[in-house]
Structures are given as structure tokens and as C-alpha cells.
Amino acid sequence: MSNVRQQKRQASRIRQVVNKVKRFFNFLGPGFVTGSADDDPSGIATFSQAGAKYGLTLLWLSPFVFPMMVCIQEMSARIGLVTRRGIITILKEEYPPYVLWLVGLITIPAVMINVGSDLLAMGAVSHMLLPRVSTEIFSVIAGILVLALLFLFNYPRVASVLKWAALVLSVYFLVPFFVRQDWGLVLRSLVTPHVLFDTGFLKTVGTILGTNISAYLFFWESSMVVDDQEHKYGHLFNDPEAQLPDMRREVKTMQKDNAFGMAIAGTIMFFVLWACGSTLYPQGITDINTVNQAAEALRPIAGDAAYFLFATGILASGFLAVPVLAGTCGYIAAEAFGYPRGMDKKLPEAWVFYGVIFLSVLFSLMINFTGIGAVQALIFSASVYGITVPPSIFYIMNICNNPRIMGRFTNNIWSNIVGYFTLALMSVVSVMLIWTTFFVKS
């Protein structure tokens, strides 16, 4: 009898654990997917290059940028949740036409550059493992697979698998503990801002900020929240007169999901900077030009398997992020012209949405024929985001402080303080990146 009771207690504990895991998975939503997609190949390349070139001196950027990421993404998600409209739809309906064209015209090209550079990186890591097949062919294959993923399957469900595959990047969390560390230097670098007034350093800081605070993430999350709520509430959501139950609880749940997603993005950024600053920088590998060099950061823990682990992480993050990027182009175009859109819709139901996704991937693949290296393309795309993001933040702040649009869910004082600080900072970063990218010879 005692064995039976013990087995029942054990089964009960297992059920409790399973239920907790299920509740945790149910809690994760668009904010988690957005945070996971933020660490795309462009981000990993940018952080790797920064850590290799400047060692541990940029670790302070991780806690510095985190509140800004949380603040702007929370506002973007709150807009979709409260208004039941994506940001692009609001810009179309509430603002002069030039605003929509301004934001759309500067965002879509930046997204396409990012898609192309991510596909190029996916091709490069595949070529690293199978050198007989060219990078260009592998990147085309990756583009075809991404389109098949979006056209044939329900992306949100597929993303739930891919985001865990992308967690192979968490191997960076272990690397610093396999290398001799000056822990005092690590702590000082984390809490003490270190700034060099040279163009290379300033551009690196700008690209890090640009890859973490990107306009496509704003539009993607607001539209995904709308889709998520529409799926949850069905016909009630599409009735403008219907009051959705307990909106305050929905907003609090969204804020927790968003903070968790941004924490993941910020943590991966911190550990990639730390890993590369601890391994590549001391070896004199200070200028990463190939994915092979970036993969070397994992050698202290993975040895000969470093290339395989790095390639797996980049491919998983690419298959997670590229649909988000291409999907953002689809959302912008479909919302701008009033067509159905959404990752849960079939191709015939949202042909404009999927058509723009197809064209964005097709145009993005043309970057393969420019002769630009994968790492250089990735870092350039991060620079472009830093240049294009200020107008988007400006209008997000404007929307979130408009009670006619947001009702009682307008910004509080802390959202405005952090939001306007981010706008001012990214405006300075934009000017700095334009100067260092286009007018200063490297």
C-alpha cells in the first residue's frame, strides 16, 4: 500500500510540473517570439564583431539598452492590444498620408536589406559545413525553405519549435566560464560606461543600438498582438462595439510577456559580447570578416564542434527571424492598402500579404550578387536600422499619448521619460551612423 501511495504522490508531482510548464507556455506570446527574433544573424554578427574588436568594454550596453527595448516594444504591443489595430493601420487612418509613406518607405528597404543579409549568413554557415556547395546556392535554398514554411504551415506554431532550436545560442552563456576571467574587469565593464570618441567605436555602438531597437520589431509585435487577440476572442474582437473582458489584465499579461522576451534578447546580447570579448579579443582576432572567425568564439567549450554549434544557432535564429522580417513587409503593405493579413490565414485569403512576403524574399536574395561578405552585410543592415528608427518611435510616442486613440491606456510618466530619451538617443545615433557609414572612409 505504501508503494501505491508513493507512486500516486510521484504521479501527482509530475502532473503539477507538467501543468506549470503548460501554464508557462500559454503565458508566452508575441513578446517572446519578438524577443527571440531580435537575436537574428544580424544581431549575433554585430555583437560578435563588437566583442572581438573592443573586448569587454561594451558590456555596459546590455543593461543600458534593456529598458529602452522593453519600453518601445511594450508601447507597440499595447497599441495593438488596446486599439485592435496595427501601427500601420493607425498611421493610415489617423495621420496625413505622407506619414504612412514616410514610415513605410524607410522601413521596407531596411527590412529587405536585413532579410538578404540574414539569408546570406545562413548560406555562409551552411557553406562552412559543406564547402562544396556555394554560399549563394545555400542562401537561395534557405529563402525557398522560409517561403515554404510561411505558405504551407502555421508560422506561430512552427515558431514555437524554432525558438527552442534557436536556444542553442545559449551555449554562449557557458563560454566565459571556460576561459580565465578578470572578474573585477567584467563587473566594472558591466556597470561603467566606456566611450571612445573615434568613428569605429561610435559606429559599433550605433549598430548595437540599431539591431536591438529596430522599427520592424515595432510593427511586427503590434500586428501579431492583433492577430493573437483576434484568434482568442473570435467574432467579439471584430465587433468595434464589443468590450473585451478584463483589458487591464490583458495589458499586464502582455507587459510580462514583453519584458520576458526582451530579457532573452538582452541576455543573449550580453553573453555573445562577453564570450567574444573573452576569447577572440585576447587572441588578436579583432576584425571578424567571415563566419568561421565568429564561430571560433565557441571553441573553448565546443572544440572542433564549434563550427557546427555556431551554424546550428545561426540557422535556427535565421529561420525564426527571416519570417518575422518578411512578414513585417507583408503586414505593412496589407495594412497600408486595407487587405487581409495574418500568419494564420491561408494564401488565397491574404494573397497581397503573402505576395509581398514572396517579393521581399526575392528582392532580398539579390544581395547575394553584390559581392558583399556575409558579416559585412549583417553589420550594414544593423546600421541601416539605426538610421531609420527615429520616425517610427516618434509616431509610436504620439499614438500612445493620444487619449482619443488609446483611451485610458495612454503612457504613464515612466514610459514617456524612457520613450523620449530613446527617441533623442536614436536620433543622435541616426545622424552619427549616416556620417560614419556614408561620409567617413574606413
Protein backbone atom coordinates (compact mmCIF):
# COMPACT_ATOMS: atom_id res chain seq x y z
CA MET A 1 0.00 0.00 0.00
CA SER A 2 2.86 2.37 0.82
CA ASN A 3 4.31 1.80 -2.66
CA VAL A 4 0.96 2.62 -4.22
CA ARG A 5 0.67 5.86 -2.20
CA GLN A 6 4.23 6.77 -3.10
CA GLN A 7 3.53 6.19 -6.80
CA LYS A 8 0.38 8.32 -6.57
CA ARG A 9 2.31 11.16 -4.90
CA GLN A 10 5.00 10.92 -7.55
CA ALA A 11 2.40 10.98 -10.33
CA SER A 12 0.75 13.99 -8.68
CA ARG A 13 4.07 15.86 -8.55
CA ILE A 14 4.71 15.06 -12.22
CA ARG A 15 1.25 16.39 -13.14
CA GLN A 16 1.93 19.57 -11.18
CA VAL A 17 5.21 20.11 -13.03
CA VAL A 18 3.55 19.43 -16.40
CA ASN A 19 0.75 21.87 -15.57
CA LYS A 20 3.26 24.55 -14.59
CA VAL A 21 5.13 24.04 -17.87
CA LYS A 22 1.85 24.26 -19.80
CA ARG A 23 0.88 27.47 -17.99
CA PHE A 24 4.30 28.92 -18.76
CA PHE A 25 3.96 28.06 -22.47
CA ASN A 26 0.47 29.54 -22.54
CA PHE A 27 1.83 32.71 -20.96
CA LEU A 28 4.43 33.16 -23.71
CA GLY A 29 3.07 35.17 -26.62
CA PRO A 30 4.09 37.69 -29.29
CA GLY A 31 6.56 39.39 -26.94
CA PHE A 32 8.55 36.19 -26.51
CA VAL A 33 8.63 35.49 -30.26
CA THR A 34 9.65 39.11 -30.92
CA GLY A 35 12.45 38.93 -28.35
CA SER A 36 13.70 35.65 -29.78
CA ALA A 37 13.60 37.02 -33.33
CA ASP A 38 15.55 40.11 -32.23
CA ASP A 39 18.66 37.93 -31.90
CA ASP A 40 18.77 37.16 -35.62
CA PRO A 41 22.04 36.51 -37.52
CA SER A 42 22.44 40.29 -37.94
CA GLY A 43 22.40 40.75 -34.17
CA ILE A 44 24.76 37.84 -33.47
CA ALA A 45 27.24 39.15 -36.07
CA THR A 46 27.08 42.67 -34.67
CA PHE A 47 27.66 41.52 -31.09
CA SER A 48 30.44 39.13 -32.17
CA GLN A 49 32.26 41.86 -34.09
CA ALA A 50 31.90 44.30 -31.18
CA GLY A 51 33.20 41.82 -28.60
CA ALA A 52 36.12 40.79 -30.80
CA LYS A 53 37.13 44.37 -31.57
CA TYR A 54 36.67 46.01 -28.17
CA GLY A 55 36.86 43.18 -25.67
CA LEU A 56 34.69 43.68 -22.59
CA THR A 57 34.41 47.46 -22.86
CA LEU A 58 30.87 47.32 -24.33
CA LEU A 59 29.25 45.02 -21.76
CA TRP A 60 27.54 48.05 -20.19
CA LEU A 61 25.40 48.45 -23.31
CA SER A 62 23.30 45.41 -22.39
CA PRO A 63 21.74 46.81 -19.16
CA PHE A 64 21.74 50.29 -20.73
CA VAL A 65 19.63 49.36 -23.77
CA PHE A 66 17.31 46.89 -21.99
CA PRO A 67 14.84 49.45 -20.51
CA MET A 68 14.56 51.14 -23.92
CA MET A 69 13.82 47.84 -25.65
CA VAL A 70 11.14 46.97 -23.09
CA CYS A 71 9.57 50.43 -23.22
CA ILE A 72 9.23 50.80 -27.01
CA GLN A 73 8.12 47.21 -27.56
CA GLU A 74 5.56 47.48 -24.74
CA MET A 75 4.09 50.58 -26.35
CA SER A 76 3.93 48.82 -29.73
CA ALA A 77 2.16 45.80 -28.24
CA ARG A 78 -0.18 47.99 -26.17
CA ILE A 79 -1.24 49.85 -29.31
CA GLY A 80 -2.32 46.59 -30.96
CA LEU A 81 -3.95 45.26 -27.81
CA VAL A 82 -6.00 48.37 -26.94
CA THR A 83 -6.92 49.65 -30.40
CA ARG A 84 -7.28 46.25 -32.14
CA ARG A 85 -5.26 47.79 -34.99
CA GLY A 86 -1.66 47.52 -36.10
CA ILE A 87 0.53 50.62 -36.03
CA ILE A 88 0.46 50.92 -39.84
CA THR A 89 -3.36 50.84 -39.86
CA ILE A 90 -3.45 53.64 -37.27
CA LEU A 91 -0.98 55.74 -39.24
CA LYS A 92 -3.19 55.27 -42.31
CA GLU A 93 -6.44 56.16 -40.53
CA GLU A 94 -5.31 58.84 -38.08
CA TYR A 95 -2.48 60.74 -39.77
CA PRO A 96 -1.80 62.54 -43.07
CA PRO A 97 -0.86 60.21 -45.99
CA TYR A 98 2.78 61.36 -46.05
CA VAL A 99 3.32 59.86 -42.57
CA LEU A 100 2.40 56.37 -43.77
CA TRP A 101 4.61 56.69 -46.82
CA LEU A 102 7.49 58.12 -44.79
CA VAL A 103 7.46 55.30 -42.25
CA GLY A 104 6.75 52.56 -44.82
CA LEU A 105 9.27 53.75 -47.38
CA ILE A 106 12.14 53.88 -44.89
CA THR A 107 11.23 50.64 -43.14
CA ILE A 108 10.61 48.20 -46.00
CA PRO A 109 14.01 48.74 -47.71
CA ALA A 110 15.76 48.38 -44.35
CA VAL A 111 13.88 45.13 -43.69
CA MET A 112 14.77 43.78 -47.14
CA ILE A 113 18.46 44.50 -46.54
CA ASN A 114 18.16 42.63 -43.24
CA VAL A 115 16.41 39.65 -44.88
CA GLY A 116 19.07 39.48 -47.58
CA SER A 117 21.95 39.69 -45.11
CA ASP A 118 20.37 37.05 -42.85
CA LEU A 119 19.86 34.68 -45.80
CA LEU A 120 23.44 35.34 -46.87
CA ALA A 121 24.65 34.46 -43.36
CA MET A 122 22.57 31.28 -43.36
CA GLY A 123 24.16 30.38 -46.69
CA ALA A 124 27.63 31.17 -45.35
CA VAL A 125 27.34 28.92 -42.29
CA SER A 126 25.92 26.12 -44.46
CA HIS A 127 28.87 26.55 -46.84
CA MET A 128 31.18 26.42 -43.80
CA LEU A 129 29.87 22.91 -43.06
CA LEU A 130 29.56 21.78 -46.71
CA PRO A 131 32.22 23.71 -48.67
CA ARG A 132 31.38 22.03 -52.00
CA VAL A 133 28.12 24.00 -52.22
CA SER A 134 28.43 27.77 -52.65
CA THR A 135 27.12 30.32 -50.18
CA GLU A 136 24.82 31.77 -52.85
CA ILE A 137 23.13 28.45 -53.57
CA PHE A 138 22.65 27.73 -49.87
CA SER A 139 21.12 31.18 -49.30
CA VAL A 140 18.65 30.62 -52.15
CA ILE A 141 17.74 27.26 -50.62
CA ALA A 142 17.23 28.98 -47.25
CA GLY A 143 14.95 31.55 -48.92
CA ILE A 144 12.87 28.81 -50.55
CA LEU A 145 12.55 26.97 -47.24
CA VAL A 146 11.43 30.14 -45.46
CA LEU A 147 8.74 30.75 -48.09
CA ALA A 148 7.59 27.12 -47.83
CA LEU A 149 7.45 27.50 -44.04
CA LEU A 150 5.19 30.53 -44.34
CA PHE A 151 2.99 29.34 -47.20
CA LEU A 152 2.44 25.73 -46.15
CA PHE A 153 2.41 25.83 -42.35
CA ASN A 154 1.05 27.90 -39.48
CA TYR A 155 4.07 30.05 -38.67
CA PRO A 156 3.22 30.78 -34.99
CA ARG A 157 3.18 27.04 -34.33
CA VAL A 158 6.39 26.44 -36.26
CA ALA A 159 7.97 29.37 -34.42
CA SER A 160 7.26 27.64 -31.11
CA VAL A 161 9.62 24.89 -32.25
CA LEU A 162 12.22 27.12 -33.88
CA LYS A 163 12.56 29.43 -30.89
CA TRP A 164 13.71 26.48 -28.80
CA ALA A 165 16.08 25.39 -31.56
CA ALA A 166 17.50 28.92 -31.51
CA LEU A 167 18.28 28.41 -27.81
CA VAL A 168 21.42 26.61 -28.98
CA LEU A 169 22.77 30.18 -28.87
CA SER A 170 22.62 29.83 -25.08
CA VAL A 171 25.90 27.92 -25.42
CA TYR A 172 27.41 31.42 -25.34
CA PHE A 173 26.27 31.55 -21.70
CA LEU A 174 28.83 28.88 -20.86
CA VAL A 175 31.84 30.12 -22.85
CA PRO A 176 33.01 32.83 -20.39
CA PHE A 177 33.16 30.27 -17.58
CA PHE A 178 35.59 28.09 -19.56
CA VAL A 179 38.03 30.98 -20.03
CA ARG A 180 40.15 32.64 -17.38
CA GLN A 181 38.38 35.86 -16.37
CA ASP A 182 39.36 39.06 -14.61
CA TRP A 183 36.08 39.22 -12.68
CA GLY A 184 36.78 42.73 -11.42
CA LEU A 185 37.15 43.92 -15.02
CA VAL A 186 33.94 42.12 -16.00
CA LEU A 187 31.99 43.82 -13.21
CA ARG A 188 33.47 47.25 -13.97
CA SER A 189 32.73 46.83 -17.68
CA LEU A 190 29.13 45.90 -16.88
CA VAL A 191 28.36 48.92 -14.69
CA THR A 192 30.74 51.59 -16.05
CA PRO A 193 30.08 53.16 -19.47
CA HIS A 194 33.22 53.20 -21.58
CA VAL A 195 33.25 55.51 -24.61
CA LEU A 196 35.94 56.11 -27.21
CA PHE A 197 35.50 59.13 -29.45
CA ASP A 198 36.58 57.55 -32.70
CA THR A 199 34.40 56.72 -35.67
CA GLY A 200 34.85 52.95 -35.43
CA PHE A 201 33.75 52.78 -31.80
CA LEU A 202 30.82 55.15 -32.26
CA LYS A 203 29.62 53.22 -35.31
CA THR A 204 29.82 49.96 -33.37
CA VAL A 205 27.73 51.42 -30.54
CA GLY A 206 25.25 52.72 -33.12
CA THR A 207 24.90 49.34 -34.83
CA ILE A 208 24.33 47.59 -31.48
CA LEU A 209 21.57 50.06 -30.63
CA GLY A 210 20.17 49.74 -34.15
CA THR A 211 19.93 45.97 -34.07
CA ASN A 212 18.21 46.00 -30.65
CA ILE A 213 15.81 48.87 -31.31
CA SER A 214 14.55 48.12 -34.81
CA ALA A 215 11.42 49.51 -36.47
CA TYR A 216 10.35 46.16 -37.90
CA LEU A 217 10.00 44.80 -34.36
CA PHE A 218 7.53 47.59 -33.50
CA PHE A 219 5.25 46.88 -36.47
CA TRP A 220 5.56 43.12 -36.18
CA GLU A 221 4.62 42.95 -32.50
CA SER A 222 1.65 45.33 -32.78
CA SER A 223 0.21 43.32 -35.69
CA MET A 224 0.93 39.97 -34.04
CA VAL A 225 -0.87 41.10 -30.88
CA VAL A 226 -3.90 41.98 -33.02
CA ASP A 227 -3.80 38.51 -34.64
CA ASP A 228 -3.34 36.85 -31.25
CA GLN A 229 -6.34 38.67 -29.75
CA GLU A 230 -8.46 38.02 -32.83
CA HIS A 231 -7.73 34.31 -32.52
CA LYS A 232 -8.50 34.42 -28.79
CA TYR A 233 -11.81 36.34 -28.93
CA GLY A 234 -13.09 35.50 -32.42
CA HIS A 235 -16.16 37.49 -33.53
CA LEU A 236 -16.07 39.66 -30.39
CA PHE A 237 -12.73 41.10 -31.47
CA ASN A 238 -14.08 42.19 -34.85
CA ASP A 239 -17.05 43.98 -33.27
CA PRO A 240 -15.89 47.55 -32.52
CA GLU A 241 -18.74 47.99 -30.02
CA ALA A 242 -17.87 44.88 -28.02
CA GLN A 243 -15.89 45.33 -24.82
CA LEU A 244 -13.22 42.70 -24.44
CA PRO A 245 -13.19 41.28 -20.90
CA ASP A 246 -10.67 42.50 -18.35
CA MET A 247 -8.45 44.64 -20.58
CA ARG A 248 -6.27 45.68 -17.64
CA ARG A 249 -5.37 42.03 -17.01
CA GLU A 250 -4.64 41.58 -20.73
CA VAL A 251 -2.30 44.57 -20.64
CA LYS A 252 -0.47 43.27 -17.56
CA THR A 253 -0.06 39.82 -19.15
CA MET A 254 1.28 41.44 -22.32
CA GLN A 255 3.75 43.52 -20.31
CA LYS A 256 5.14 40.42 -18.57
CA ASP A 257 5.42 38.53 -21.86
CA ASN A 258 7.11 41.52 -23.48
CA ALA A 259 9.59 42.01 -20.62
CA PHE A 260 10.47 38.31 -20.67
CA GLY A 261 11.06 38.37 -24.44
CA MET A 262 13.25 41.46 -24.27
CA ALA A 263 15.16 39.95 -21.33
CA ILE A 264 16.03 36.96 -23.51
CA ALA A 265 17.24 39.26 -26.29
CA GLY A 266 19.31 41.36 -23.89
CA THR A 267 20.80 38.34 -22.14
CA ILE A 268 21.95 36.73 -25.39
CA MET A 269 23.46 40.06 -26.45
CA PHE A 270 25.37 40.30 -23.16
CA PHE A 271 26.79 36.79 -23.34
CA VAL A 272 27.78 36.99 -27.02
CA LEU A 273 29.67 40.23 -26.27
CA TRP A 274 31.26 38.60 -23.22
CA ALA A 275 32.13 35.34 -24.99
CA CYS A 276 33.77 37.04 -27.98
CA GLY A 277 35.47 39.63 -25.77
CA SER A 278 36.91 36.81 -23.63
CA THR A 279 38.07 34.54 -26.45
CA LEU A 280 38.62 36.33 -29.76
CA TYR A 281 39.90 39.67 -28.45
CA PRO A 282 42.77 38.18 -26.37
CA GLN A 283 43.81 36.10 -29.41
CA GLY A 284 44.12 39.20 -31.56
CA ILE A 285 41.08 38.27 -33.71
CA THR A 286 39.72 41.80 -33.61
CA ASP A 287 38.20 42.13 -37.06
CA ILE A 288 35.69 39.41 -37.93
CA ASN A 289 35.24 39.11 -41.68
CA THR A 290 33.99 35.53 -42.01
CA VAL A 291 31.53 33.31 -40.16
CA ASN A 292 34.41 30.92 -39.46
CA GLN A 293 36.10 33.59 -37.36
CA ALA A 294 32.87 34.28 -35.48
CA ALA A 295 32.47 30.56 -34.77
CA GLU A 296 35.90 30.48 -33.11
CA ALA A 297 34.37 32.14 -30.04
CA LEU A 298 32.73 28.81 -29.17
CA ARG A 299 35.92 26.75 -29.41
CA PRO A 300 36.78 26.90 -25.65
CA ILE A 301 33.64 24.93 -24.84
CA ALA A 302 32.82 23.12 -28.09
CA GLY A 303 36.27 22.39 -29.52
CA ASP A 304 36.01 21.01 -33.04
CA ALA A 305 32.22 21.13 -32.78
CA ALA A 306 32.31 24.95 -32.51
CA TYR A 307 31.53 25.42 -36.20
CA PHE A 308 28.60 23.01 -36.01
CA LEU A 309 27.11 24.68 -32.91
CA PHE A 310 27.55 28.15 -34.36
CA ALA A 311 25.99 27.09 -37.68
CA THR A 312 23.05 25.45 -35.90
CA GLY A 313 22.39 28.59 -33.86
CA ILE A 314 22.61 30.92 -36.86
CA LEU A 315 20.36 28.70 -39.00
CA ALA A 316 17.75 28.34 -36.24
CA SER A 317 17.78 32.07 -35.47
CA GLY A 318 17.57 32.80 -39.20
CA PHE A 319 14.57 30.52 -39.75
CA LEU A 320 12.91 32.21 -36.78
CA ALA A 321 13.78 35.81 -37.71
CA VAL A 322 13.50 35.88 -41.52
CA PRO A 323 9.76 35.04 -41.49
CA VAL A 324 9.31 37.83 -38.93
CA LEU A 325 11.22 40.25 -41.15
CA ALA A 326 9.48 39.26 -44.38
CA GLY A 327 6.15 39.10 -42.55
CA THR A 328 6.67 42.68 -41.41
CA CYS A 329 6.84 43.77 -45.06
CA GLY A 330 3.58 41.87 -45.66
CA TYR A 331 1.88 43.50 -42.67
CA ILE A 332 3.00 46.99 -43.71
CA ALA A 333 1.77 46.59 -47.30
CA ALA A 334 -1.51 44.82 -46.47
CA GLU A 335 -2.44 47.24 -43.68
CA ALA A 336 -1.46 50.26 -45.78
CA PHE A 337 -3.80 49.22 -48.61
CA GLY A 338 -6.52 47.63 -46.46
CA TYR A 339 -6.08 43.98 -47.47
CA PRO A 340 -6.47 40.92 -45.20
CA ARG A 341 -3.26 39.89 -43.49
CA GLY A 342 -2.03 37.46 -40.87
CA MET A 343 0.21 34.44 -40.39
CA ASP A 344 -2.81 32.29 -39.54
CA LYS A 345 -4.51 32.93 -42.89
CA LYS A 346 -4.19 30.74 -45.98
CA LEU A 347 -2.65 32.03 -49.19
CA PRO A 348 -5.98 32.63 -51.04
CA GLU A 349 -7.33 34.57 -48.03
CA ALA A 350 -4.42 37.04 -47.90
CA TRP A 351 -2.76 36.96 -51.31
CA VAL A 352 -1.40 40.52 -51.09
CA PHE A 353 0.11 39.81 -47.67
CA TYR A 354 1.87 36.65 -48.89
CA GLY A 355 2.69 38.19 -52.27
CA VAL A 356 4.65 40.99 -50.62
CA ILE A 357 6.44 38.42 -48.43
CA PHE A 358 7.43 36.49 -51.56
CA LEU A 359 8.69 39.63 -53.31
CA SER A 360 10.59 40.80 -50.23
CA VAL A 361 12.48 37.49 -50.06
CA LEU A 362 13.06 37.52 -53.82
CA PHE A 363 14.46 41.05 -53.83
CA SER A 364 16.48 40.35 -50.69
CA LEU A 365 18.25 37.44 -52.36
CA MET A 366 19.72 39.86 -54.87
CA ILE A 367 22.19 40.90 -52.19
CA ASN A 368 23.95 37.60 -52.96
CA PHE A 369 25.17 39.09 -56.22
CA THR A 370 26.65 42.27 -54.75
CA GLY A 371 29.88 40.60 -53.66
CA ILE A 372 29.44 41.79 -50.06
CA GLY A 373 30.61 39.35 -47.39
CA ALA A 374 28.04 37.87 -45.03
CA VAL A 375 29.40 39.55 -41.88
CA GLN A 376 29.75 42.94 -43.57
CA ALA A 377 26.17 42.69 -44.92
CA LEU A 378 24.82 41.81 -41.47
CA ILE A 379 26.53 44.74 -39.77
CA PHE A 380 25.45 47.11 -42.56
CA SER A 381 21.82 46.07 -42.04
CA ALA A 382 22.11 46.88 -38.32
CA SER A 383 23.47 50.30 -39.27
CA VAL A 384 20.51 50.94 -41.57
CA TYR A 385 18.08 50.16 -38.73
CA GLY A 386 19.80 52.69 -36.51
CA ILE A 387 19.33 55.29 -39.24
CA THR A 388 15.65 54.58 -39.93
CA VAL A 389 14.16 54.04 -36.47
CA PRO A 390 13.60 57.60 -35.07
CA PRO A 391 10.49 58.49 -37.16
CA SER A 392 8.81 55.25 -36.08
CA ILE A 393 9.48 55.94 -32.39
CA PHE A 394 8.20 59.49 -32.79
CA TYR A 395 4.81 58.36 -34.10
CA ILE A 396 4.53 55.50 -31.60
CA MET A 397 5.01 58.04 -28.80
CA ASN A 398 2.44 60.29 -30.43
CA ILE A 399 -0.13 57.48 -30.67
CA CYS A 400 0.46 56.29 -27.09
CA ASN A 401 -0.12 59.79 -25.70
CA ASN A 402 -3.36 60.33 -27.63
CA PRO A 403 -6.36 59.53 -25.36
CA ARG A 404 -8.71 59.59 -28.37
CA ILE A 405 -6.83 56.58 -29.76
CA MET A 406 -5.66 54.83 -26.58
CA GLY A 407 -8.47 55.71 -24.15
CA ARG A 408 -7.36 55.23 -20.55
CA PHE A 409 -4.28 53.23 -21.64
CA THR A 410 -2.09 56.18 -22.59
CA ASN A 411 1.55 56.33 -21.48
CA ASN A 412 2.42 56.81 -17.84
CA ILE A 413 5.21 59.18 -16.85
CA TRP A 414 7.93 56.49 -16.88
CA SER A 415 7.00 55.31 -20.36
CA ASN A 416 7.27 58.90 -21.57
CA ILE A 417 10.61 59.51 -19.84
CA VAL A 418 12.20 56.36 -21.25
CA GLY A 419 10.43 56.72 -24.61
CA TYR A 420 11.51 60.31 -25.27
CA PHE A 421 15.04 59.53 -24.06
CA THR A 422 15.14 56.65 -26.56
CA LEU A 423 13.85 58.92 -29.33
CA ALA A 424 16.51 61.55 -28.58
CA LEU A 425 19.28 58.96 -28.34
CA MET A 426 18.30 57.15 -31.55
CA SER A 427 18.07 60.48 -33.38
CA VAL A 428 21.68 61.21 -32.40
CA VAL A 429 22.63 57.64 -33.35
CA SER A 430 20.92 58.06 -36.72
CA VAL A 431 22.93 61.17 -37.57
CA MET A 432 26.12 59.51 -36.34
CA LEU A 433 25.52 56.39 -38.44
CA ILE A 434 24.74 58.38 -41.57
CA TRP A 435 28.03 60.21 -41.12
CA THR A 436 30.19 57.18 -40.33
CA THR A 437 28.55 54.90 -42.92
CA PHE A 438 28.38 57.18 -45.92
CA PHE A 439 30.87 60.01 -45.40
CA VAL A 440 33.78 58.53 -43.45
CA LYS A 441 36.20 56.21 -45.25
CA SER A 442 37.00 53.08 -43.25
